[in-house]
N, C-alpha and C. Protein backbone atom coordinates (compact mmCIF):
# COMPACT_ATOMS: atom_id res chain seq x y z
N MET A 1 -28.20 47.40 23.53
CA MET A 1 -28.45 46.57 24.67
C MET A 1 -28.68 45.12 24.28
N ALA A 2 -29.22 44.93 23.10
CA ALA A 2 -29.47 43.56 22.64
C ALA A 2 -28.16 42.81 22.47
N ALA A 3 -27.12 43.52 22.02
CA ALA A 3 -25.81 42.89 21.83
C ALA A 3 -25.19 42.52 23.17
N ALA A 4 -25.38 43.35 24.20
CA ALA A 4 -24.84 43.05 25.52
C ALA A 4 -25.54 41.85 26.13
N ALA A 5 -26.85 41.74 25.91
CA ALA A 5 -27.59 40.59 26.42
C ALA A 5 -27.18 39.32 25.70
N LYS A 6 -26.87 39.45 24.42
CA LYS A 6 -26.44 38.30 23.63
C LYS A 6 -25.07 37.80 24.09
N ASN A 7 -24.16 38.73 24.44
CA ASN A 7 -22.83 38.35 24.90
C ASN A 7 -22.89 37.63 26.24
N ASN A 8 -23.86 37.94 27.06
CA ASN A 8 -23.98 37.28 28.36
C ASN A 8 -24.44 35.83 28.21
N GLN A 9 -25.10 35.51 27.12
CA GLN A 9 -25.60 34.15 26.92
C GLN A 9 -24.56 33.21 26.30
N LEU A 10 -23.50 33.76 25.74
CA LEU A 10 -22.48 32.94 25.10
C LEU A 10 -21.62 32.24 26.13
N GLN A 11 -21.20 31.04 25.83
CA GLN A 11 -20.33 30.27 26.70
C GLN A 11 -19.01 30.00 25.99
N ILE A 12 -17.98 29.88 26.76
CA ILE A 12 -16.67 29.52 26.22
C ILE A 12 -16.51 28.02 26.43
N VAL A 13 -16.34 27.29 25.34
CA VAL A 13 -16.20 25.84 25.39
C VAL A 13 -14.81 25.48 24.88
N PRO A 14 -14.04 24.74 25.67
CA PRO A 14 -12.72 24.34 25.18
C PRO A 14 -12.84 23.45 23.94
N ALA A 15 -11.90 23.57 23.03
CA ALA A 15 -11.97 22.84 21.76
C ALA A 15 -11.82 21.34 21.97
N ALA A 16 -11.10 20.93 22.99
CA ALA A 16 -10.85 19.51 23.20
C ALA A 16 -11.86 18.88 24.15
N ALA A 17 -12.94 19.58 24.45
CA ALA A 17 -13.92 19.03 25.38
C ALA A 17 -14.62 17.84 24.74
N GLY A 18 -14.72 16.76 25.44
CA GLY A 18 -15.40 15.58 24.93
C GLY A 18 -14.52 14.68 24.09
N ARG A 19 -13.32 15.10 23.78
CA ARG A 19 -12.41 14.27 22.99
C ARG A 19 -11.34 13.68 23.89
N ARG A 20 -10.87 12.52 23.51
CA ARG A 20 -9.76 11.95 24.25
C ARG A 20 -8.47 12.58 23.75
N LYS A 21 -7.45 12.55 24.57
CA LYS A 21 -6.18 13.15 24.20
C LYS A 21 -5.48 12.27 23.16
N VAL A 22 -5.14 12.86 22.06
CA VAL A 22 -4.52 12.13 20.96
C VAL A 22 -3.04 12.48 20.93
N GLU A 23 -2.21 11.45 20.92
CA GLU A 23 -0.77 11.66 20.87
C GLU A 23 -0.20 10.96 19.65
N ALA A 24 0.95 11.44 19.25
CA ALA A 24 1.65 10.81 18.13
C ALA A 24 2.16 9.44 18.58
N GLN A 25 2.17 8.49 17.66
CA GLN A 25 2.60 7.13 17.98
C GLN A 25 3.50 6.61 16.87
N TYR A 26 4.28 5.61 17.22
CA TYR A 26 5.10 4.91 16.25
C TYR A 26 4.36 3.66 15.81
N VAL A 27 4.34 3.41 14.51
CA VAL A 27 3.76 2.19 13.96
C VAL A 27 4.87 1.51 13.16
N GLU A 28 5.21 0.29 13.57
CA GLU A 28 6.27 -0.46 12.89
C GLU A 28 5.64 -1.63 12.14
N MET A 29 6.04 -1.78 10.88
CA MET A 29 5.47 -2.83 10.04
C MET A 29 6.57 -3.55 9.28
N MET A 30 6.33 -4.81 8.99
CA MET A 30 7.21 -5.58 8.13
C MET A 30 6.57 -5.60 6.74
N VAL A 31 7.29 -5.08 5.77
CA VAL A 31 6.77 -4.95 4.41
C VAL A 31 7.75 -5.60 3.45
N PRO A 32 7.30 -6.50 2.59
CA PRO A 32 8.22 -7.07 1.60
C PRO A 32 8.60 -6.02 0.56
N LEU A 33 9.87 -5.67 0.54
CA LEU A 33 10.39 -4.68 -0.41
C LEU A 33 11.34 -5.39 -1.36
N TYR A 34 11.07 -5.28 -2.65
CA TYR A 34 11.86 -6.00 -3.64
C TYR A 34 12.89 -5.11 -4.33
N SER A 35 12.66 -3.81 -4.30
CA SER A 35 13.60 -2.90 -4.95
C SER A 35 13.51 -1.54 -4.26
N HIS A 36 14.39 -0.65 -4.67
CA HIS A 36 14.35 0.69 -4.09
C HIS A 36 13.16 1.48 -4.65
N GLY A 37 12.61 1.03 -5.76
CA GLY A 37 11.38 1.63 -6.28
C GLY A 37 10.20 1.32 -5.37
N CYS A 38 10.16 0.10 -4.82
CA CYS A 38 9.12 -0.26 -3.84
C CYS A 38 9.25 0.63 -2.61
N GLU A 39 10.47 0.85 -2.19
CA GLU A 39 10.73 1.69 -1.02
C GLU A 39 10.20 3.10 -1.25
N ARG A 40 10.46 3.65 -2.42
CA ARG A 40 10.00 5.00 -2.75
C ARG A 40 8.48 5.05 -2.86
N LYS A 41 7.88 4.01 -3.42
CA LYS A 41 6.42 3.96 -3.57
C LYS A 41 5.73 3.94 -2.20
N ILE A 42 6.24 3.16 -1.27
CA ILE A 42 5.68 3.09 0.08
C ILE A 42 5.84 4.44 0.78
N LYS A 43 7.02 5.03 0.66
CA LYS A 43 7.28 6.30 1.33
C LYS A 43 6.37 7.41 0.79
N ASN A 44 6.18 7.46 -0.51
CA ASN A 44 5.32 8.49 -1.10
C ASN A 44 3.86 8.30 -0.71
N SER A 45 3.38 7.07 -0.71
CA SER A 45 1.97 6.85 -0.39
C SER A 45 1.68 7.15 1.08
N LEU A 46 2.62 6.85 1.97
CA LEU A 46 2.39 7.13 3.39
C LEU A 46 2.58 8.60 3.72
N SER A 47 3.46 9.28 3.03
CA SER A 47 3.68 10.70 3.34
C SER A 47 2.48 11.55 2.94
N ARG A 48 1.61 11.04 2.10
CA ARG A 48 0.42 11.79 1.70
C ARG A 48 -0.72 11.68 2.71
N LEU A 49 -0.62 10.73 3.66
CA LEU A 49 -1.67 10.59 4.67
C LEU A 49 -1.62 11.76 5.64
N ARG A 50 -2.80 12.18 6.08
CA ARG A 50 -2.88 13.31 7.00
C ARG A 50 -2.50 12.85 8.41
N GLY A 51 -1.72 13.65 9.10
CA GLY A 51 -1.34 13.36 10.48
C GLY A 51 -0.02 12.63 10.63
N ILE A 52 0.61 12.26 9.54
CA ILE A 52 1.87 11.52 9.62
C ILE A 52 3.02 12.52 9.51
N TYR A 53 3.92 12.45 10.51
CA TYR A 53 5.04 13.38 10.56
C TYR A 53 6.25 12.86 9.82
N SER A 54 6.56 11.57 9.98
CA SER A 54 7.73 11.04 9.29
C SER A 54 7.52 9.57 8.93
N VAL A 55 8.20 9.16 7.86
CA VAL A 55 8.17 7.78 7.40
C VAL A 55 9.62 7.34 7.22
N ASN A 56 9.99 6.25 7.87
CA ASN A 56 11.35 5.72 7.77
C ASN A 56 11.27 4.32 7.19
N VAL A 57 11.89 4.11 6.04
CA VAL A 57 11.88 2.81 5.38
C VAL A 57 13.29 2.24 5.42
N GLU A 58 13.44 1.07 6.05
CA GLU A 58 14.72 0.38 6.12
C GLU A 58 14.67 -0.81 5.17
N PHE A 59 15.31 -0.65 4.02
CA PHE A 59 15.24 -1.65 2.96
C PHE A 59 15.88 -2.98 3.39
N ASP A 60 17.01 -2.92 4.08
CA ASP A 60 17.73 -4.14 4.46
C ASP A 60 16.94 -4.98 5.45
N GLU A 61 16.22 -4.33 6.37
CA GLU A 61 15.45 -5.06 7.38
C GLU A 61 14.01 -5.31 6.95
N GLN A 62 13.60 -4.79 5.80
CA GLN A 62 12.21 -4.91 5.33
C GLN A 62 11.25 -4.32 6.35
N LYS A 63 11.62 -3.16 6.91
CA LYS A 63 10.87 -2.56 8.01
C LYS A 63 10.48 -1.14 7.65
N VAL A 64 9.22 -0.78 7.96
CA VAL A 64 8.72 0.57 7.75
C VAL A 64 8.26 1.10 9.10
N THR A 65 8.76 2.28 9.49
CA THR A 65 8.37 2.91 10.74
C THR A 65 7.69 4.23 10.42
N VAL A 66 6.48 4.41 10.95
CA VAL A 66 5.70 5.62 10.71
C VAL A 66 5.49 6.30 12.05
N TRP A 67 5.69 7.63 12.08
CA TRP A 67 5.47 8.40 13.30
C TRP A 67 4.47 9.49 13.00
N GLY A 68 3.40 9.53 13.81
CA GLY A 68 2.41 10.57 13.62
C GLY A 68 1.12 10.25 14.35
N ILE A 69 0.16 11.15 14.20
CA ILE A 69 -1.16 10.96 14.79
C ILE A 69 -2.00 10.25 13.74
N CYS A 70 -2.18 8.95 13.92
CA CYS A 70 -2.88 8.17 12.91
C CYS A 70 -3.42 6.89 13.53
N ASN A 71 -4.35 6.27 12.83
CA ASN A 71 -4.84 4.96 13.22
C ASN A 71 -3.93 3.93 12.55
N LYS A 72 -3.36 3.03 13.33
CA LYS A 72 -2.37 2.11 12.77
C LYS A 72 -2.98 1.16 11.76
N TYR A 73 -4.27 0.87 11.88
CA TYR A 73 -4.91 -0.02 10.92
C TYR A 73 -5.15 0.68 9.58
N ASP A 74 -5.36 2.00 9.61
CA ASP A 74 -5.45 2.75 8.36
C ASP A 74 -4.11 2.78 7.65
N VAL A 75 -3.04 2.92 8.42
CA VAL A 75 -1.70 2.91 7.83
C VAL A 75 -1.41 1.55 7.21
N LEU A 76 -1.78 0.48 7.92
CA LEU A 76 -1.55 -0.87 7.39
C LEU A 76 -2.35 -1.12 6.12
N SER A 77 -3.60 -0.65 6.09
CA SER A 77 -4.41 -0.86 4.88
C SER A 77 -3.86 -0.05 3.70
N THR A 78 -3.28 1.12 3.98
CA THR A 78 -2.66 1.91 2.91
C THR A 78 -1.45 1.19 2.33
N ILE A 79 -0.65 0.59 3.20
CA ILE A 79 0.52 -0.15 2.72
C ILE A 79 0.10 -1.42 2.00
N ARG A 80 -0.94 -2.09 2.50
CA ARG A 80 -1.40 -3.32 1.85
C ARG A 80 -1.97 -3.07 0.47
N ALA A 81 -2.37 -1.85 0.19
CA ALA A 81 -2.80 -1.52 -1.17
C ALA A 81 -1.61 -1.58 -2.13
N LYS A 82 -0.40 -1.36 -1.61
CA LYS A 82 0.81 -1.41 -2.43
C LYS A 82 1.52 -2.77 -2.33
N ARG A 83 1.62 -3.31 -1.12
CA ARG A 83 2.28 -4.58 -0.87
C ARG A 83 1.39 -5.44 0.01
N ARG A 84 0.87 -6.55 -0.53
CA ARG A 84 -0.11 -7.36 0.19
C ARG A 84 0.47 -8.08 1.40
N GLY A 85 1.74 -8.36 1.39
CA GLY A 85 2.33 -9.12 2.48
C GLY A 85 2.67 -8.28 3.70
N ALA A 86 2.24 -7.04 3.73
CA ALA A 86 2.57 -6.16 4.86
C ALA A 86 1.83 -6.61 6.11
N ARG A 87 2.53 -6.49 7.25
CA ARG A 87 1.92 -6.82 8.54
C ARG A 87 2.64 -6.02 9.61
N PHE A 88 2.06 -6.01 10.81
CA PHE A 88 2.69 -5.30 11.91
C PHE A 88 3.96 -6.02 12.32
N TRP A 89 4.94 -5.26 12.81
CA TRP A 89 6.22 -5.82 13.21
C TRP A 89 6.04 -6.76 14.40
N ASP A 90 5.23 -6.36 15.37
CA ASP A 90 4.93 -7.20 16.53
C ASP A 90 3.67 -8.00 16.25
N ASN A 91 3.72 -9.29 16.50
CA ASN A 91 2.53 -10.11 16.28
C ASN A 91 1.44 -9.79 17.28
N ALA A 92 1.78 -9.20 18.43
CA ALA A 92 0.78 -8.84 19.43
C ALA A 92 -0.17 -7.78 18.88
N ASP A 93 0.31 -6.92 18.00
CA ASP A 93 -0.55 -5.90 17.40
C ASP A 93 -1.57 -6.51 16.46
N ASP A 94 -1.22 -7.63 15.82
CA ASP A 94 -2.16 -8.27 14.91
C ASP A 94 -3.32 -8.91 15.65
N VAL A 95 -3.04 -9.51 16.81
CA VAL A 95 -4.07 -10.24 17.54
C VAL A 95 -4.92 -9.31 18.38
N SER A 96 -4.28 -8.57 19.28
CA SER A 96 -5.05 -7.67 20.16
C SER A 96 -4.75 -6.24 19.77
N GLY A 97 -5.71 -5.61 19.15
CA GLY A 97 -5.52 -4.25 18.68
C GLY A 97 -5.88 -3.21 19.71
N GLY A 98 -6.36 -3.60 20.89
CA GLY A 98 -6.76 -2.62 21.89
C GLY A 98 -8.09 -2.02 21.49
N GLY A 99 -8.21 -0.71 21.58
CA GLY A 99 -9.47 -0.05 21.26
C GLY A 99 -9.60 0.30 19.79
N ASP A 100 -8.52 0.18 19.04
CA ASP A 100 -8.55 0.60 17.64
C ASP A 100 -8.70 -0.60 16.71
N GLU A 101 -9.58 -1.53 17.02
CA GLU A 101 -9.72 -2.72 16.19
C GLU A 101 -10.35 -2.37 14.85
N PRO A 102 -9.85 -2.94 13.77
CA PRO A 102 -10.40 -2.61 12.46
C PRO A 102 -11.76 -3.26 12.25
N SER A 103 -12.51 -2.64 11.37
CA SER A 103 -13.79 -3.24 11.02
C SER A 103 -13.54 -4.46 10.14
N PRO A 104 -14.47 -5.41 10.08
CA PRO A 104 -14.24 -6.61 9.27
C PRO A 104 -14.04 -6.30 7.80
N SER A 105 -14.54 -5.18 7.32
CA SER A 105 -14.37 -4.85 5.90
C SER A 105 -12.93 -4.47 5.58
N LEU A 106 -12.14 -4.02 6.58
CA LEU A 106 -10.76 -3.63 6.33
C LEU A 106 -9.81 -4.82 6.30
N GLN A 107 -10.22 -5.95 6.88
CA GLN A 107 -9.36 -7.11 6.91
C GLN A 107 -9.42 -7.82 5.57
N LEU A 108 -8.24 -8.12 5.04
CA LEU A 108 -8.16 -8.80 3.75
C LEU A 108 -8.33 -10.30 3.94
N PRO A 109 -9.01 -10.97 3.03
CA PRO A 109 -9.15 -12.42 3.15
C PRO A 109 -7.81 -13.11 2.91
N VAL A 110 -7.62 -14.23 3.57
CA VAL A 110 -6.38 -14.99 3.44
C VAL A 110 -6.52 -15.90 2.23
N ARG A 111 -5.55 -15.82 1.33
CA ARG A 111 -5.58 -16.64 0.13
C ARG A 111 -4.52 -17.73 0.23
N LYS A 112 -4.82 -18.86 -0.39
CA LYS A 112 -3.83 -19.92 -0.47
C LYS A 112 -2.83 -19.56 -1.54
N ARG A 113 -1.58 -19.84 -1.26
CA ARG A 113 -0.54 -19.53 -2.24
C ARG A 113 -0.35 -20.70 -3.19
N ARG A 114 -0.18 -20.38 -4.44
CA ARG A 114 0.13 -21.40 -5.43
C ARG A 114 1.62 -21.69 -5.38
N PRO A 115 2.02 -22.89 -5.75
CA PRO A 115 3.46 -23.13 -5.80
C PRO A 115 4.08 -22.24 -6.87
N SER A 116 5.18 -21.64 -6.51
CA SER A 116 5.79 -20.69 -7.43
C SER A 116 6.50 -21.42 -8.56
N VAL A 117 6.32 -20.91 -9.75
CA VAL A 117 6.97 -21.46 -10.94
C VAL A 117 8.08 -20.49 -11.32
N PRO A 118 9.28 -20.97 -11.50
CA PRO A 118 10.35 -20.07 -11.90
C PRO A 118 10.00 -19.38 -13.22
N PRO A 119 10.23 -18.09 -13.32
CA PRO A 119 9.84 -17.36 -14.52
C PRO A 119 10.60 -17.78 -15.77
N LEU A 120 11.79 -18.38 -15.62
CA LEU A 120 12.55 -18.79 -16.80
C LEU A 120 11.89 -19.95 -17.53
N THR A 121 11.16 -20.79 -16.82
CA THR A 121 10.51 -21.90 -17.49
C THR A 121 9.37 -21.42 -18.37
N LEU A 122 8.80 -20.28 -18.05
CA LEU A 122 7.73 -19.74 -18.88
C LEU A 122 8.27 -19.13 -20.17
N LEU A 123 9.53 -18.68 -20.13
CA LEU A 123 10.10 -18.00 -21.29
C LEU A 123 10.83 -18.95 -22.25
N LYS A 124 11.03 -20.19 -21.85
CA LYS A 124 11.77 -21.13 -22.71
C LYS A 124 10.95 -21.47 -23.95
N THR A 125 11.59 -21.43 -25.07
CA THR A 125 10.97 -21.86 -26.33
C THR A 125 11.95 -22.78 -27.04
N ARG A 126 11.41 -23.61 -27.88
CA ARG A 126 12.27 -24.49 -28.66
C ARG A 126 12.62 -23.80 -29.97
N PRO A 127 13.89 -23.64 -30.24
CA PRO A 127 14.28 -22.96 -31.48
C PRO A 127 13.90 -23.76 -32.72
N SER A 128 13.75 -25.08 -32.60
CA SER A 128 13.42 -25.87 -33.78
C SER A 128 11.97 -25.65 -34.21
N LEU A 129 11.09 -25.30 -33.30
CA LEU A 129 9.69 -25.12 -33.64
C LEU A 129 9.41 -23.74 -34.23
N ILE A 130 10.08 -22.74 -33.73
CA ILE A 130 9.82 -21.37 -34.21
C ILE A 130 11.06 -20.88 -34.94
N THR A 131 10.89 -20.62 -36.20
CA THR A 131 12.01 -20.09 -36.97
C THR A 131 11.87 -18.59 -37.09
N TRP A 132 12.95 -17.97 -37.50
CA TRP A 132 12.96 -16.52 -37.62
C TRP A 132 11.98 -16.06 -38.69
N LYS A 133 11.94 -16.75 -39.80
CA LYS A 133 11.07 -16.36 -40.91
C LYS A 133 9.60 -16.51 -40.53
N LEU A 134 9.27 -17.56 -39.84
CA LEU A 134 7.89 -17.79 -39.43
C LEU A 134 7.44 -16.74 -38.42
N SER A 135 8.32 -16.39 -37.48
CA SER A 135 7.94 -15.38 -36.49
C SER A 135 7.80 -14.01 -37.14
N LEU A 136 8.63 -13.70 -38.14
CA LEU A 136 8.51 -12.43 -38.85
C LEU A 136 7.21 -12.39 -39.64
N LYS A 137 6.86 -13.49 -40.29
CA LYS A 137 5.61 -13.56 -41.05
C LYS A 137 4.41 -13.39 -40.13
N LYS A 138 4.47 -14.01 -38.97
CA LYS A 138 3.38 -13.91 -38.00
C LYS A 138 3.23 -12.47 -37.50
N ALA A 139 4.34 -11.80 -37.24
CA ALA A 139 4.29 -10.44 -36.73
C ALA A 139 3.78 -9.47 -37.78
N LEU A 140 4.22 -9.64 -39.03
CA LEU A 140 3.82 -8.71 -40.08
C LEU A 140 2.42 -9.01 -40.61
N SER A 141 1.93 -10.23 -40.47
CA SER A 141 0.60 -10.55 -40.99
C SER A 141 -0.50 -9.94 -40.12
N ARG A 142 -0.20 -9.57 -38.93
CA ARG A 142 -1.21 -8.93 -38.07
C ARG A 142 -1.50 -7.52 -38.52
N SER A 143 -0.59 -6.90 -39.18
CA SER A 143 -0.80 -5.56 -39.71
C SER A 143 -1.25 -5.71 -41.16
N HIS A 144 -2.37 -5.13 -41.52
CA HIS A 144 -2.94 -5.30 -42.85
C HIS A 144 -2.12 -4.61 -43.94
N SER A 145 -1.30 -3.65 -43.58
CA SER A 145 -0.53 -2.95 -44.60
C SER A 145 0.64 -3.79 -45.12
N PHE A 146 1.11 -4.77 -44.36
CA PHE A 146 2.24 -5.57 -44.78
C PHE A 146 1.84 -6.92 -45.35
N VAL A 147 0.58 -7.23 -45.44
CA VAL A 147 0.14 -8.54 -45.92
C VAL A 147 0.57 -8.74 -47.37
N LYS A 148 0.53 -7.72 -48.17
CA LYS A 148 0.88 -7.85 -49.59
C LYS A 148 2.37 -8.08 -49.78
N LEU A 149 3.20 -7.58 -48.85
CA LEU A 149 4.64 -7.75 -48.99
C LEU A 149 5.07 -9.20 -48.76
N ILE A 150 4.37 -9.91 -47.89
CA ILE A 150 4.77 -11.28 -47.55
C ILE A 150 4.33 -12.24 -48.64
N ASN A 151 3.15 -12.11 -49.14
CA ASN A 151 2.62 -13.05 -50.13
C ASN A 151 3.22 -12.84 -51.45
């Protein structure tokens, strides 16, 4: 009888009671992609997020489209961990986020860009200053086992 009295006190509560209805959404972002390795890295990192059904990366348009049940700001912060220049495709999403506004800790600080220096200028050396023999001596003198061979 105690079990029958206990069953009368139980209530059936729907699982979605008190929650808002969550639907899958598309999140479109502009991401600077420099190679197909970048494309693969973005796709792998996003496919590991929970609730994401598909990830479409368009290399030519520099566009990433994510479909799933997710917070779009979490998706953006995941991509920004890989590519800092990532942003939403529509500028309206950046300004007015609706109810899903990110906390101030998720927003990255804006940095000033330095003028870019072409990488070839960093690699230029004068052949008259560095000779082959001197560079070999410098390389072998760092290893203590070859010091006796040079002297």
